[in-house]
């Protein structure tokens, strides 16, 4: 009996569980009964967004149709009479363009009643709302000066378990330097001090560029102390067409070694016609000067864009910035240590270094001479050198030593050509001399050995005495030989 009772209880519990499950399906939950729906906010941007959600219209929802429309809690009570009948207003919003204009026009009519939600970059978040027509916007001043930041366009959405995606985009910028050995545009290059260095800045536009009435666009370029800007070399191209200098401004800050190329409103340029696919290019030159840093630290140069980022306010007054894009110019030095055959420092020599091409040799005028032993030695340092072929010539030889023949060698360097932070990774020189490289300080050190000349006998000096002595010995030997021969002959007789 006890076993039968336990089985009956088990069956009863099972039946109750099934009934409970069926009831949960057939009977609306509290949320459903309250006629609540889920709005999913999806942030496709590269910065977090603080969204504000205002109920513009409320009513009865059937599918995606809102009926019995009234003004929602997001509209000020004082504005409802001015705006007129809610249902009549809703009927006029029969196109995307009209809805977008309406969203901008009612900004001053929004009440303090709203739902707020922060959504991380690339993330999603959900809120529960009653049926209605909602305006979704960024909280004021939350994207100003944000790197990669832009405001989403105002979004109007009927809530019925739906998703609202951000409607935004940002421009990009990249900076390249031209390598003189092959003409390629790269993130790093190497140059001689005194050389002109070509740079190119390339900016893009956002996909929603057409939503702006005004679009401010500014290149901010920052140079290290080793670079001197040639302002007159600056030119701007849009889609390959050179733009008249009256269409933009150039502001040079010599204190901070920087400049800004600014379009206060790109929309004012009508030739060429600018679209979301247009490319804006700034080209200019710098000179690598005597303050250039030798070695792996290099001479960096960066750029970033400042741009309009709020289409809801016609693009006026609110701006974002892109991340900085960086490239580096490297330069090197050769150190020549003058020594004798005993590896001791040798003073009195003079050298000249020439950069060699297929057609000419150019003298390197940038060098210093330092005593490595105060009394009797020197080292020669030639700084600010590019990779390439060189010839070292001894123009003055220490007394008593033979002049070396011209020595040819080639400097080669390896560095990142495509990188957010280019690095110098290898430095070497090949030739008849042996060079010791240092990547960190960009140096190639070598020893140049001078050999002593051959000492010839002097005429009328010690050489003459040597001849006399040698001759006297020969005479004595001859006399001795003759005396000995005579003695032998007498004995025979």
Protein backbone atom coordinates (compact mmCIF):
# COMPACT_ATOMS: atom_id res chain seq x y z
CA UNK A 1 0.00 0.00 0.00
CA UNK A 2 2.80 2.38 0.90
CA UNK A 3 4.49 1.71 -2.45
CA UNK A 4 1.20 2.29 -4.30
CA UNK A 5 0.65 5.56 -2.40
CA UNK A 6 4.16 6.81 -3.29
CA UNK A 7 3.55 6.05 -6.98
CA UNK A 8 0.25 7.95 -6.96
CA UNK A 9 1.91 10.95 -5.32
CA UNK A 10 4.68 10.90 -7.94
CA UNK A 11 2.17 10.82 -10.78
CA UNK A 12 0.20 13.69 -9.22
CA UNK A 13 3.32 15.82 -8.91
CA UNK A 14 4.22 15.13 -12.52
CA UNK A 15 0.74 16.15 -13.69
CA UNK A 16 0.89 19.35 -11.67
CA UNK A 17 4.26 20.22 -13.22
CA UNK A 18 2.86 19.74 -16.73
CA UNK A 19 -0.18 21.87 -15.94
CA UNK A 20 2.04 24.59 -14.50
CA UNK A 21 4.16 24.65 -17.66
CA UNK A 22 1.12 24.83 -19.93
CA UNK A 23 -0.33 27.64 -17.81
CA UNK A 24 2.87 29.64 -18.14
CA UNK A 25 2.56 29.45 -21.90
CA UNK A 26 -1.12 30.20 -22.21
CA UNK A 27 -1.47 32.86 -19.53
CA UNK A 28 0.36 36.19 -20.17
CA UNK A 29 3.23 36.95 -17.80
CA UNK A 30 3.22 40.09 -15.72
CA UNK A 31 5.45 41.77 -18.25
CA UNK A 32 3.23 40.71 -21.13
CA UNK A 33 0.15 41.74 -19.26
CA UNK A 34 1.71 45.16 -18.73
CA UNK A 35 2.21 45.26 -22.50
CA UNK A 36 6.00 45.73 -22.19
CA UNK A 37 8.55 45.11 -24.90
CA UNK A 38 12.30 44.87 -25.16
CA UNK A 39 14.35 47.45 -27.01
CA UNK A 40 17.88 46.29 -27.79
CA UNK A 41 20.45 49.03 -28.33
CA UNK A 42 23.39 48.05 -30.51
CA UNK A 43 26.48 50.26 -30.55
CA UNK A 44 28.52 49.79 -33.72
CA UNK A 45 30.81 52.68 -32.83
CA UNK A 46 34.36 52.66 -31.44
CA UNK A 47 33.48 54.56 -28.25
CA UNK A 48 30.93 53.95 -25.50
CA UNK A 49 27.63 55.82 -25.80
CA UNK A 50 25.31 57.20 -23.13
CA UNK A 51 21.91 56.92 -24.79
CA UNK A 52 18.77 58.81 -23.77
CA UNK A 53 15.40 57.32 -24.76
CA UNK A 54 12.35 59.60 -24.96
CA UNK A 55 8.77 58.41 -25.55
CA UNK A 56 7.40 60.67 -28.29
CA UNK A 57 4.11 58.88 -29.01
CA UNK A 58 2.23 56.22 -27.06
CA UNK A 59 -0.72 54.06 -28.08
CA UNK A 60 -1.92 50.54 -28.76
CA UNK A 61 0.47 48.34 -30.68
CA UNK A 62 -0.65 45.64 -33.10
CA UNK A 63 2.28 44.14 -34.97
CA UNK A 64 4.15 47.24 -36.06
CA UNK A 65 1.08 49.47 -36.21
CA UNK A 66 0.52 52.02 -33.44
CA UNK A 67 -3.14 53.11 -33.00
CA UNK A 68 -4.99 55.44 -30.61
CA UNK A 69 -1.85 57.62 -30.67
CA UNK A 70 -1.22 60.21 -27.96
CA UNK A 71 1.79 62.33 -27.00
CA UNK A 72 4.23 60.33 -24.87
CA UNK A 73 5.96 61.12 -21.60
CA UNK A 74 9.05 62.39 -23.43
CA UNK A 75 7.23 65.51 -24.62
CA UNK A 76 6.75 68.49 -22.32
CA UNK A 77 3.16 69.11 -21.28
CA UNK A 78 3.59 72.75 -22.29
CA UNK A 79 4.59 71.69 -25.82
CA UNK A 80 1.74 69.27 -26.53
CA UNK A 81 -0.80 72.00 -27.34
CA UNK A 82 1.68 73.77 -29.60
CA UNK A 83 2.58 70.59 -31.44
CA UNK A 84 -1.10 69.81 -32.10
CA UNK A 85 -2.89 66.48 -32.17
CA UNK A 86 -0.47 63.57 -31.76
CA UNK A 87 -2.26 61.27 -34.20
CA UNK A 88 -2.38 63.98 -36.88
CA UNK A 89 1.34 64.70 -36.40
CA UNK A 90 2.22 60.98 -36.60
CA UNK A 91 0.39 60.66 -39.94
CA UNK A 92 2.64 63.31 -41.47
CA UNK A 93 5.78 61.30 -40.74
CA UNK A 94 5.43 59.14 -43.83
CA UNK A 95 9.06 59.27 -45.02
CA UNK A 96 12.52 58.89 -43.54
CA UNK A 97 13.40 62.49 -44.41
CA UNK A 98 10.29 63.84 -42.63
CA UNK A 99 10.95 61.68 -39.57
CA UNK A 100 14.59 62.87 -39.40
CA UNK A 101 13.51 66.51 -39.65
CA UNK A 102 10.83 66.00 -36.99
CA UNK A 103 13.45 64.45 -34.65
CA UNK A 104 15.61 67.56 -34.96
CA UNK A 105 12.70 70.00 -34.66
CA UNK A 106 11.38 68.64 -31.34
CA UNK A 107 14.65 68.80 -29.41
CA UNK A 108 13.41 71.84 -27.51
CA UNK A 109 10.15 70.06 -26.67
CA UNK A 110 11.70 67.09 -24.90
CA UNK A 111 10.80 66.66 -21.22
CA UNK A 112 12.98 65.51 -18.37
CA UNK A 113 11.32 62.09 -18.46
CA UNK A 114 13.62 59.63 -20.18
CA UNK A 115 15.35 56.28 -19.87
CA UNK A 116 19.16 56.30 -19.94
CA UNK A 117 21.45 53.45 -20.92
CA UNK A 118 25.22 53.20 -21.43
CA UNK A 119 26.34 50.84 -24.18
CA UNK A 120 30.01 49.90 -24.55
CA UNK A 121 31.82 50.21 -27.87
CA UNK A 122 30.80 47.32 -30.08
CA UNK A 123 28.32 46.13 -27.44
CA UNK A 124 24.59 45.80 -26.86
CA UNK A 125 22.19 46.57 -24.01
CA UNK A 126 18.45 46.13 -23.49
CA UNK A 127 15.69 48.22 -21.90
CA UNK A 128 12.04 47.36 -21.24
CA UNK A 129 9.51 49.89 -22.57
CA UNK A 130 5.78 50.15 -23.19
CA UNK A 131 4.52 50.41 -26.75
CA UNK A 132 5.26 53.68 -28.43
CA UNK A 133 7.37 55.72 -30.81
CA UNK A 134 10.72 56.53 -29.18
CA UNK A 135 13.51 58.98 -29.91
CA UNK A 136 16.99 57.64 -29.12
CA UNK A 137 19.87 60.09 -28.89
CA UNK A 138 23.30 60.56 -27.31
CA UNK A 139 23.43 62.50 -24.07
CA UNK A 140 24.76 66.01 -24.68
CA UNK A 141 28.54 66.56 -24.70
CA UNK A 142 29.35 62.86 -24.31
CA UNK A 143 31.20 62.54 -27.63
CA UNK A 144 32.93 65.93 -27.72
CA UNK A 145 36.67 65.61 -28.35
CA UNK A 146 36.42 61.83 -27.97
CA UNK A 147 38.99 59.97 -29.99
CA UNK A 148 37.13 58.07 -32.72
CA UNK A 149 33.88 59.53 -31.34
CA UNK A 150 30.77 60.58 -33.24
CA UNK A 151 27.17 61.19 -32.29
CA UNK A 152 24.56 58.81 -33.62
CA UNK A 153 21.85 60.30 -35.77
CA UNK A 154 18.54 60.64 -33.94
CA UNK A 155 16.72 57.30 -34.11
CA UNK A 156 12.92 57.03 -34.12
CA UNK A 157 11.72 53.53 -33.32
CA UNK A 158 8.39 51.79 -32.63
CA UNK A 159 9.04 49.42 -29.72
CA UNK A 160 7.90 45.86 -30.32
CA UNK A 161 10.85 43.70 -29.26
CA UNK A 162 13.11 45.50 -31.71
CA UNK A 163 16.73 46.55 -32.14
CA UNK A 164 18.02 50.07 -32.68
CA UNK A 165 21.52 50.30 -34.17
CA UNK A 166 23.73 53.37 -33.96
CA UNK A 167 23.72 55.39 -37.14
CA UNK A 168 27.19 56.87 -37.11
CA UNK A 169 30.60 56.78 -38.75
CA UNK A 170 33.92 58.56 -38.38
CA UNK A 171 36.64 59.58 -40.85
CA UNK A 172 40.16 58.18 -40.83
CA UNK A 173 43.63 59.59 -41.50
CA UNK A 174 47.00 58.08 -42.28
CA UNK A 175 50.44 59.58 -42.68
CA UNK A 176 53.18 58.28 -44.97
CA UNK A 177 56.78 59.30 -45.68
CA UNK A 178 58.46 58.65 -49.02
CA UNK A 179 61.60 56.50 -48.98
CA UNK A 180 64.15 58.14 -51.29
CA UNK A 181 65.80 54.90 -52.43
CA UNK A 182 62.69 53.39 -54.01
CA UNK A 183 59.98 56.08 -54.00
CA UNK A 184 57.63 54.01 -51.83
CA UNK A 185 55.25 55.67 -49.34
CA UNK A 186 55.88 54.03 -45.96
CA UNK A 187 55.62 54.44 -42.19
CA UNK A 188 59.41 54.86 -41.90
CA UNK A 189 62.37 55.92 -44.04
CA UNK A 190 65.98 57.04 -43.63
CA UNK A 191 67.59 60.26 -44.85
CA UNK A 192 70.74 62.38 -44.71
CA UNK A 193 70.72 65.53 -42.63
CA UNK A 194 70.01 68.36 -45.06
CA UNK A 195 67.72 66.28 -47.28
CA UNK A 196 64.17 67.27 -48.21
CA UNK A 197 61.65 64.68 -46.99
CA UNK A 198 58.25 64.30 -48.74
CA UNK A 199 55.19 63.54 -46.56
CA UNK A 200 51.61 62.68 -47.47
CA UNK A 201 48.47 62.85 -45.27
CA UNK A 202 45.37 61.04 -46.52
CA UNK A 203 41.96 61.59 -44.94
CA UNK A 204 38.62 59.88 -45.59
CA UNK A 205 35.05 60.97 -44.89
CA UNK A 206 32.28 59.25 -42.89
CA UNK A 207 29.59 57.21 -44.64
CA UNK A 208 26.93 59.64 -43.35
CA UNK A 209 28.71 62.74 -44.74
CA UNK A 210 25.55 63.65 -46.68
CA UNK A 211 23.62 64.03 -43.40
CA UNK A 212 25.69 67.09 -42.43
CA UNK A 213 24.82 70.62 -43.48
CA UNK A 214 28.29 71.76 -42.46
CA UNK A 215 31.44 69.68 -42.11
CA UNK A 216 34.58 70.97 -40.41
CA UNK A 217 37.73 69.03 -41.27
CA UNK A 218 41.22 69.79 -39.91
CA UNK A 219 44.60 68.05 -40.24
CA UNK A 220 46.78 68.53 -37.11
CA UNK A 221 50.42 67.70 -37.91
CA UNK A 222 53.08 67.57 -35.17
CA UNK A 223 56.81 67.33 -35.98
CA UNK A 224 59.86 66.55 -33.85
CA UNK A 225 62.67 69.10 -33.46
CA UNK A 226 64.80 67.43 -36.14
CA UNK A 227 62.29 68.36 -38.86
CA UNK A 228 61.86 71.81 -40.41
CA UNK A 229 58.65 72.47 -42.31
CA UNK A 230 58.69 74.07 -45.75
CA UNK A 231 55.34 75.90 -45.58
CA UNK A 232 55.41 76.80 -49.25
CA UNK A 233 55.50 73.12 -50.19
CA UNK A 234 52.04 72.43 -48.71
CA UNK A 235 49.38 71.55 -51.26
CA UNK A 236 45.96 69.92 -50.92
CA UNK A 237 44.24 67.54 -53.31
CA UNK A 238 40.65 66.26 -53.27
CA UNK A 239 40.13 63.17 -55.39
CA UNK A 240 43.40 63.98 -57.18
CA UNK A 241 42.50 67.58 -58.01
CA UNK A 242 44.69 70.34 -56.54
CA UNK A 243 42.57 72.72 -54.44
CA UNK A 244 43.07 76.47 -54.53
CA UNK A 245 44.75 77.74 -51.35
CA UNK A 246 41.90 80.17 -50.73
CA UNK A 247 39.63 77.19 -49.92
CA UNK A 248 41.56 76.27 -46.74
CA UNK A 249 43.86 77.81 -44.14
CA UNK A 250 47.35 76.85 -42.97
CA UNK A 251 48.35 77.81 -39.43
CA UNK A 252 52.00 77.14 -38.47
CA UNK A 253 53.06 77.03 -34.81
CA UNK A 254 56.85 77.40 -34.76
CA UNK A 255 56.99 77.13 -30.95
CA UNK A 256 55.51 73.64 -30.96
CA UNK A 257 56.81 72.72 -34.43
CA UNK A 258 53.33 71.92 -35.73
CA UNK A 259 50.81 73.12 -38.29
CA UNK A 260 47.08 72.81 -39.07
CA UNK A 261 45.46 72.58 -42.49
CA UNK A 262 41.81 73.47 -41.91
CA UNK A 263 38.58 73.36 -43.91
CA UNK A 264 36.01 75.22 -41.85
CA UNK A 265 33.32 73.77 -44.08
CA UNK A 266 34.01 71.16 -46.75
CA UNK A 267 30.46 71.62 -47.99
CA UNK A 268 31.51 74.95 -49.48
CA UNK A 269 33.74 73.18 -52.02
CA UNK A 270 31.73 72.35 -55.13
CA UNK A 271 34.53 71.48 -57.55
CA UNK A 272 35.27 68.66 -57.34
CA UNK A 273 32.00 67.41 -55.87
CA UNK A 274 32.77 65.89 -52.47
CA UNK A 275 31.02 62.66 -51.45
CA UNK A 276 31.41 60.12 -48.67
CA UNK A 277 33.90 58.29 -50.93
CA UNK A 278 36.15 61.31 -51.48
CA UNK A 279 39.78 61.38 -50.41
CA UNK A 280 41.47 64.53 -49.06
CA UNK A 281 45.29 64.53 -49.37
CA UNK A 282 47.84 66.98 -47.95
CA UNK A 283 51.38 66.84 -49.36
CA UNK A 284 54.37 68.75 -48.00
CA UNK A 285 58.13 68.60 -47.37
CA UNK A 286 60.37 68.90 -44.32
CA UNK A 287 64.14 69.23 -44.08
CA UNK A 288 66.06 66.93 -41.75
CA UNK A 289 68.05 69.47 -39.74
CA UNK A 290 71.09 69.44 -37.42
CA UNK A 291 68.89 68.69 -34.39
CA UNK A 292 67.96 65.33 -35.88
CA UNK A 293 68.18 62.41 -33.47
CA UNK A 294 70.64 59.71 -34.58
CA UNK A 295 69.67 56.08 -34.07
CA UNK A 296 66.64 54.02 -33.11
CA UNK A 297 64.69 56.82 -31.41
CA UNK A 298 64.51 58.53 -34.78
CA UNK A 299 62.60 61.64 -35.74
CA UNK A 300 58.86 60.98 -35.38
CA UNK A 301 56.02 62.87 -36.99
CA UNK A 302 52.29 62.45 -36.22
CA UNK A 303 48.93 63.56 -37.56
CA UNK A 304 45.33 63.45 -36.37
CA UNK A 305 42.01 64.71 -37.73
CA UNK A 306 39.54 67.00 -36.03
CA UNK A 307 36.08 66.64 -37.56
CA UNK A 308 32.38 67.45 -37.17
CA UNK A 309 30.74 64.55 -35.36
CA UNK A 310 27.10 65.50 -34.73
CA UNK A 311 24.82 65.41 -37.78
CA UNK A 312 21.86 66.21 -35.52
CA UNK A 313 23.21 69.73 -35.03
CA UNK A 314 24.06 70.21 -38.70
CA UNK A 315 27.71 69.47 -37.98
CA UNK A 316 28.33 72.76 -36.20
CA UNK A 317 30.08 73.22 -32.87
CA UNK A 318 30.77 69.62 -31.83
CA UNK A 319 33.88 67.78 -32.91
CA UNK A 320 35.73 64.51 -32.53
CA UNK A 321 39.33 63.50 -33.18
CA UNK A 322 40.94 60.45 -34.75
CA UNK A 323 43.81 58.53 -33.13
CA UNK A 324 47.25 59.88 -34.04
CA UNK A 325 49.03 58.20 -36.93
CA UNK A 326 52.83 58.12 -36.63
CA UNK A 327 55.85 57.64 -38.84
CA UNK A 328 59.60 58.01 -38.27
CA UNK A 329 62.66 59.13 -40.22
CA UNK A 330 65.95 57.50 -39.18
CA UNK A 331 69.50 58.70 -39.73
CA UNK A 332 72.92 57.25 -38.78
CA UNK A 333 76.58 58.05 -38.13
CA UNK A 334 79.99 56.55 -39.00
CA UNK A 335 82.86 56.68 -36.50
CA UNK A 336 86.44 56.27 -37.82
CA UNK A 337 89.18 55.56 -35.29
CA UNK A 338 92.70 56.26 -36.62
CA UNK A 339 95.31 53.76 -35.32
CA UNK A 340 98.82 52.43 -36.05
CA UNK A 341 99.95 48.83 -36.48
CA UNK A 342 100.22 48.40 -32.71
CA UNK A 343 96.53 49.35 -32.34
CA UNK A 344 97.48 52.63 -30.68
CA UNK A 345 95.66 55.85 -31.49
CA UNK A 346 97.40 57.83 -34.22
CA UNK A 347 97.20 61.58 -34.60
CA UNK A 348 97.78 63.72 -37.66
CA UNK A 349 95.46 62.17 -40.22
CA UNK A 350 92.61 63.88 -42.04
CA UNK A 351 89.65 62.22 -43.77
CA UNK A 352 86.82 63.06 -46.14
CA UNK A 353 83.65 61.00 -46.59
CA UNK A 354 81.66 60.97 -49.82
CA UNK A 355 78.14 59.67 -50.59
CA UNK A 356 78.40 57.75 -53.84
CA UNK A 357 75.76 57.35 -56.53
CA UNK A 358 75.95 55.97 -60.05
CA UNK A 359 76.86 59.40 -61.41
CA UNK A 360 78.61 61.38 -58.68
CA UNK A 361 80.24 61.57 -55.26
CA UNK A 362 78.93 64.14 -52.76
CA UNK A 363 81.14 65.24 -49.90
CA UNK A 364 79.71 64.88 -46.39
CA UNK A 365 80.48 68.14 -44.60
CA UNK A 366 78.98 67.12 -41.24
CA UNK A 367 81.76 65.66 -39.14
CA UNK A 368 83.57 66.19 -35.86
CA UNK A 369 87.10 65.31 -34.77
CA UNK A 370 87.63 64.15 -31.21
CA UNK A 371 90.87 63.22 -29.46
CA UNK A 372 90.57 59.72 -28.07
CA UNK A 373 94.01 60.11 -26.51
CA UNK A 374 94.75 63.73 -25.70
CA UNK A 375 98.36 63.57 -26.81
CA UNK A 376 98.43 61.31 -29.82
CA UNK A 377 95.12 60.22 -31.27
CA UNK A 378 91.85 61.21 -32.99
CA UNK A 379 88.46 59.83 -33.96
CA UNK A 380 86.34 61.16 -36.83
CA UNK A 381 82.52 61.11 -36.57
CA UNK A 382 80.38 61.66 -39.66
CA UNK A 383 76.73 62.13 -38.59
CA UNK A 384 73.33 62.28 -40.23
CA UNK A 385 73.88 59.61 -42.88
CA UNK A 386 71.37 57.77 -45.00
CA UNK A 387 71.65 54.12 -46.05
CA UNK A 388 73.69 53.83 -49.25
CA UNK A 389 77.20 53.68 -50.73
CA UNK A 390 80.10 55.73 -49.34
CA UNK A 391 83.79 56.35 -50.02
CA UNK A 392 86.28 57.22 -47.23
CA UNK A 393 89.38 59.11 -48.40
CA UNK A 394 92.48 59.97 -46.37
CA UNK A 395 93.48 63.49 -47.38
CA UNK A 396 96.36 63.90 -44.91
CA UNK A 397 98.64 61.14 -43.65
CA UNK A 398 100.67 61.17 -40.41
CA UNK A 399 104.40 61.60 -41.06
CA UNK A 400 106.27 58.35 -41.54
CA UNK A 401 103.12 56.39 -42.52
CA UNK A 402 101.74 55.23 -45.83
CA UNK A 403 98.53 56.80 -47.18
CA UNK A 404 95.58 54.39 -47.34
CA UNK A 405 93.72 53.88 -50.58
CA UNK A 406 90.09 55.12 -50.78
CA UNK A 407 87.79 52.70 -48.95
CA UNK A 408 84.27 51.96 -50.22
CA UNK A 409 81.49 50.60 -48.03
CA UNK A 410 77.69 50.36 -48.02
CA UNK A 411 75.35 51.17 -45.13
CA UNK A 412 72.17 49.08 -44.92
CA UNK A 413 69.33 49.38 -42.42
CA UNK A 414 66.20 47.37 -41.66
CA UNK A 415 63.12 49.00 -40.12
CA UNK A 416 59.34 48.61 -40.09
CA UNK A 417 57.80 50.03 -43.24
CA UNK A 418 54.20 49.35 -42.13
CA UNK A 419 53.59 49.82 -38.41
CA UNK A 420 51.75 51.99 -35.88
CA UNK A 421 55.10 52.42 -34.11
CA UNK A 422 57.97 51.78 -36.57
CA UNK A 423 61.20 50.37 -35.13
CA UNK A 424 64.79 50.32 -36.41
CA UNK A 425 65.75 46.63 -36.13
CA UNK A 426 69.11 46.21 -37.88
CA UNK A 427 72.05 48.37 -38.98
CA UNK A 428 75.25 47.29 -40.71
CA UNK A 429 77.98 48.36 -43.13
CA UNK A 430 79.69 46.12 -45.68
CA UNK A 431 83.09 46.71 -47.28
CA UNK A 432 86.79 46.03 -46.82
CA UNK A 433 86.64 47.53 -43.32
CA UNK A 434 85.00 45.82 -40.37
CA UNK A 435 82.28 47.94 -38.74
CA UNK A 436 80.76 47.50 -35.28
CA UNK A 437 77.08 48.52 -35.37
CA UNK A 438 74.89 49.94 -32.60
CA UNK A 439 71.18 50.13 -33.44
CA UNK A 440 70.31 52.19 -30.37
CA UNK A 441 72.64 55.11 -31.15
CA UNK A 442 72.68 54.49 -34.91
CA UNK A 443 76.46 54.22 -35.11
CA UNK A 444 78.86 52.20 -37.25
CA UNK A 445 82.39 52.20 -35.80
CA UNK A 446 85.59 51.09 -37.54
CA UNK A 447 89.40 51.27 -37.12
CA UNK A 448 91.59 52.54 -39.97
CA UNK A 449 95.20 51.30 -39.63
CA UNK A 450 98.19 53.18 -41.10
CA UNK A 451 101.44 51.27 -41.67
CA UNK A 452 104.91 52.76 -41.33
CA UNK A 453 106.97 53.38 -44.44
CA UNK A 454 110.22 51.39 -45.25
CA UNK A 455 113.47 53.07 -43.92
CA UNK A 456 116.17 53.31 -46.67
CA UNK A 457 119.97 53.54 -45.92
CA UNK A 458 121.31 57.11 -45.97
CA UNK A 459 124.24 58.18 -48.27
CA UNK A 460 126.93 60.11 -46.31
CA UNK A 461 125.47 59.12 -42.97
CA UNK A 462 125.37 55.83 -41.11
CA UNK A 463 125.10 54.10 -44.46
CA UNK A 464 128.50 55.42 -45.45
CA UNK A 465 130.12 54.17 -42.24
CA UNK A 466 128.54 50.82 -42.82
CA UNK A 467 130.16 50.63 -46.25
CA UNK A 468 133.56 51.63 -44.82
CA UNK A 469 133.43 49.01 -42.12
CA UNK A 470 132.28 46.34 -44.53
CA UNK A 471 135.07 47.24 -46.98
CA UNK A 472 137.72 47.22 -44.25
CA UNK A 473 136.69 43.77 -43.12
CA UNK A 474 136.90 42.51 -46.65
CA UNK A 475 140.45 43.94 -47.03
CA UNK A 476 141.58 42.32 -43.77
CA UNK A 477 140.12 38.99 -44.79
CA UNK A 478 141.92 39.19 -48.14
CA UNK A 479 145.27 40.01 -46.52
CA UNK A 480 144.87 37.18 -44.06
CA UNK A 481 144.08 34.73 -46.83
CA UNK A 482 147.14 35.81 -48.88
CA UNK A 483 149.48 35.58 -45.84
CA UNK A 484 148.26 32.12 -45.05
CA UNK A 485 148.74 30.98 -48.64
CA UNK A 486 152.36 32.16 -48.71
CA UNK A 487 153.12 30.36 -45.48
CA UNK A 488 151.79 27.15 -46.95
CA UNK A 489 153.94 27.54 -50.09
CA UNK A 490 157.14 28.17 -48.04
CA UNK A 491 156.56 25.08 -45.98
CA UNK A 492 156.23 22.98 -49.11
CA UNK A 493 159.53 24.26 -50.39
